[in-house]
Protein backbone atom coordinates (compact mmCIF):
# COMPACT_ATOMS: atom_id res chain seq x y z
CA UNK A 1 -10.25 21.26 -11.57
CA UNK A 2 -7.60 20.99 -9.00
CA UNK A 3 -4.19 19.45 -10.00
CA UNK A 4 -2.57 20.12 -6.59
CA UNK A 5 -2.01 17.28 -4.12
CA UNK A 6 -3.05 19.69 -1.29
CA UNK A 7 -6.58 19.66 0.13
CA UNK A 8 -8.74 22.91 0.18
CA UNK A 9 -8.28 23.11 3.98
CA UNK A 10 -4.51 22.87 3.74
CA UNK A 11 -4.37 25.52 1.14
CA UNK A 12 -6.52 27.76 3.36
CA UNK A 13 -4.12 27.27 6.41
CA UNK A 14 -1.21 28.08 4.03
CA UNK A 15 -2.92 31.32 2.76
CA UNK A 16 -3.72 32.38 6.48
CA UNK A 17 -0.08 31.59 7.42
CA UNK A 18 1.39 33.59 4.47
CA UNK A 19 -0.83 36.54 5.26
CA UNK A 20 -0.19 36.62 9.03
CA UNK A 21 3.58 35.98 8.84
CA UNK A 22 4.70 37.79 5.71
CA UNK A 23 1.93 40.30 5.22
CA UNK A 24 1.70 39.26 1.63
CA UNK A 25 -0.96 40.70 -0.71
CA UNK A 26 -3.59 38.37 -2.32
CA UNK A 27 -1.57 38.49 -5.64
CA UNK A 28 1.76 37.56 -3.89
CA UNK A 29 -0.01 34.67 -2.05
CA UNK A 30 -1.45 33.42 -5.37
CA UNK A 31 2.11 33.46 -6.93
CA UNK A 32 3.59 31.66 -3.89
CA UNK A 33 0.85 28.91 -4.03
CA UNK A 34 1.55 28.58 -7.77
CA UNK A 35 5.32 28.56 -7.66
CA UNK A 36 6.02 26.76 -4.38
CA UNK A 37 3.01 24.58 -3.63
CA UNK A 38 1.93 23.66 -7.20
CA UNK A 39 -1.56 25.12 -6.80
CA UNK A 40 -2.49 26.42 -10.32
CA UNK A 41 -5.72 28.15 -9.35
CA UNK A 42 -6.23 29.33 -5.79
CA UNK A 43 -9.86 30.32 -6.61
CA UNK A 44 -10.71 26.83 -7.79
CA UNK A 45 -8.96 25.26 -4.78
CA UNK A 46 -10.61 27.60 -2.16
CA UNK A 47 -14.00 28.05 -3.84
CA UNK A 48 -13.68 31.80 -3.80
CA UNK A 49 -11.18 34.53 -4.64
CA UNK A 50 -8.21 34.97 -2.35
CA UNK A 51 -9.20 38.46 -1.32
CA UNK A 52 -12.70 37.22 -0.45
CA UNK A 53 -11.10 34.36 1.52
CA UNK A 54 -8.88 36.76 3.52
CA UNK A 55 -11.77 39.28 4.07
CA UNK A 56 -13.89 36.42 5.48
CA UNK A 57 -11.21 35.67 8.02
CA UNK A 58 -10.60 39.30 8.90
CA UNK A 59 -7.30 39.46 7.15
CA UNK A 60 -8.16 41.74 4.27
CA UNK A 61 -6.60 45.07 3.87
CA UNK A 62 -8.37 48.54 4.34
CA UNK A 63 -7.74 49.48 0.68
CA UNK A 64 -8.47 47.52 -2.39
CA UNK A 65 -5.12 46.02 -3.72
CA UNK A 66 -5.01 47.89 -6.85
CA UNK A 67 -5.64 51.22 -5.22
CA UNK A 68 -2.92 50.44 -2.64
CA UNK A 69 -0.49 49.62 -5.51
CA UNK A 70 -1.11 52.85 -7.27
CA UNK A 71 -0.64 54.82 -3.96
CA UNK A 72 2.66 53.05 -3.33
CA UNK A 73 3.88 53.82 -6.94
CA UNK A 74 2.92 57.46 -6.48
CA UNK A 75 4.87 57.46 -3.23
CA UNK A 76 7.95 56.03 -5.02
CA UNK A 77 7.62 58.63 -7.83
CA UNK A 78 7.25 61.48 -5.16
CA UNK A 79 10.46 60.12 -3.48
CA UNK A 80 12.26 60.09 -6.80
CA UNK A 81 11.18 63.71 -7.44
CA UNK A 82 12.43 64.82 -4.04
CA UNK A 83 15.97 63.72 -5.30
CA UNK A 84 15.53 64.57 -9.04
CA UNK A 85 13.41 67.77 -8.92
CA UNK A 86 13.88 68.59 -12.69
CA UNK A 87 12.57 65.24 -13.87
CA UNK A 88 9.65 66.68 -15.83
CA UNK A 89 8.69 63.24 -17.29
CA UNK A 90 8.32 61.90 -13.68
CA UNK A 91 6.20 65.06 -12.76
CA UNK A 92 3.84 64.28 -15.57
CA UNK A 93 3.69 60.65 -14.64
CA UNK A 94 2.99 61.53 -11.05
CA UNK A 95 0.09 63.67 -12.24
CA UNK A 96 -1.35 60.92 -14.21
CA UNK A 97 -0.87 58.41 -11.33
CA UNK A 98 -2.64 60.68 -8.82
CA UNK A 99 -5.59 61.18 -11.38
CA UNK A 100 -5.89 57.46 -11.66
CA UNK A 101 -5.84 57.10 -7.90
CA UNK A 102 -8.57 59.75 -7.49
CA UNK A 103 -10.59 58.12 -10.18
CA UNK A 104 -10.43 54.71 -8.68
CA UNK A 105 -11.10 56.23 -5.23
CA UNK A 106 -14.31 57.70 -6.65
CA UNK A 107 -15.33 54.44 -8.15
CA UNK A 108 -14.72 52.45 -4.87
CA UNK A 109 -16.64 55.19 -2.91
CA UNK A 110 -19.57 55.03 -5.20
CA UNK A 111 -19.55 51.09 -4.94
CA UNK A 112 -19.44 51.33 -1.08
CA UNK A 113 -15.98 49.62 -0.83
CA UNK A 114 -14.44 52.91 0.66
CA UNK A 115 -16.29 55.44 2.79
CA UNK A 116 -18.13 58.17 0.88
CA UNK A 117 -15.86 60.81 2.20
CA UNK A 118 -12.61 59.05 1.31
CA UNK A 119 -10.18 61.36 -0.54
CA UNK A 120 -6.58 60.91 -1.75
CA UNK A 121 -4.33 63.66 -0.69
CA UNK A 122 -0.91 63.87 -2.40
CA UNK A 123 2.20 64.05 -0.33
CA UNK A 124 1.08 62.07 2.67
CA UNK A 125 3.49 59.62 4.28
CA UNK A 126 3.06 56.40 6.23
CA UNK A 127 0.32 53.90 6.73
CA UNK A 128 -2.48 56.62 6.69
CA UNK A 129 -1.72 57.55 3.13
CA UNK A 130 -4.89 58.03 1.25
CA UNK A 131 -6.99 57.78 4.41
CA UNK A 132 -10.34 59.56 5.06
CA UNK A 133 -10.24 63.29 5.70
CA UNK A 134 -9.66 64.41 9.25
CA UNK A 135 -7.29 61.41 9.97
CA UNK A 136 -3.80 62.12 11.48
CA UNK A 137 -0.70 62.62 9.46
CA UNK A 138 -1.68 65.34 7.14
CA UNK A 139 1.64 66.43 5.76
CA UNK A 140 2.73 67.57 2.33
CA UNK A 141 6.24 67.32 0.73
CA UNK A 142 8.13 70.11 -0.83
CA UNK A 143 7.65 68.38 -4.17
CA UNK A 144 3.95 68.83 -3.88
CA UNK A 145 4.34 72.55 -3.01
CA UNK A 146 6.38 73.02 -6.17
CA UNK A 147 3.81 71.41 -8.45
C-alpha cells in the first residue's frame, strides 16, 4: 500500500542521492523519506528493505548498521571516560557495550555477514574501528589500559 505521490523509481533515485551526498544510514534515509517526502513505508515503495536496496547498488556499508551504531556509542563513552576517568558508571556501561559488540560480531561472523576472523578491539580510532585483525590503526587509548 503506497500513499505517496512519488513513483518507486523516483524514491529509488532519492535514496541513492541521499546516500551519496549525505552519507546517511538506511534508518536516517527512511526517516527523511517519511518526514520530507511523505513515503510512509520505504520497503513497500521499493519492494525491498532500504539496506538491501543500497547493497544492490554498491552503496551499503561494510558493517551492519546496528553493529556500527554500537561501535560509535562505545567510542563516545571512551571519549567521555578520557575526560571523566572516575565515572565508574560509564566504565561499567562501556564493558556492557563492548560485550554486546563482541556478541553481535560473533553472530554476524557465524551468519557470514562479517569475515570469520573479524574481532572488535577496544580503543581503536577512525574508520578502521572494529576491522579485521591485521588491519592498520591498531592503537589503544589510555582509558583501555586503566581498565
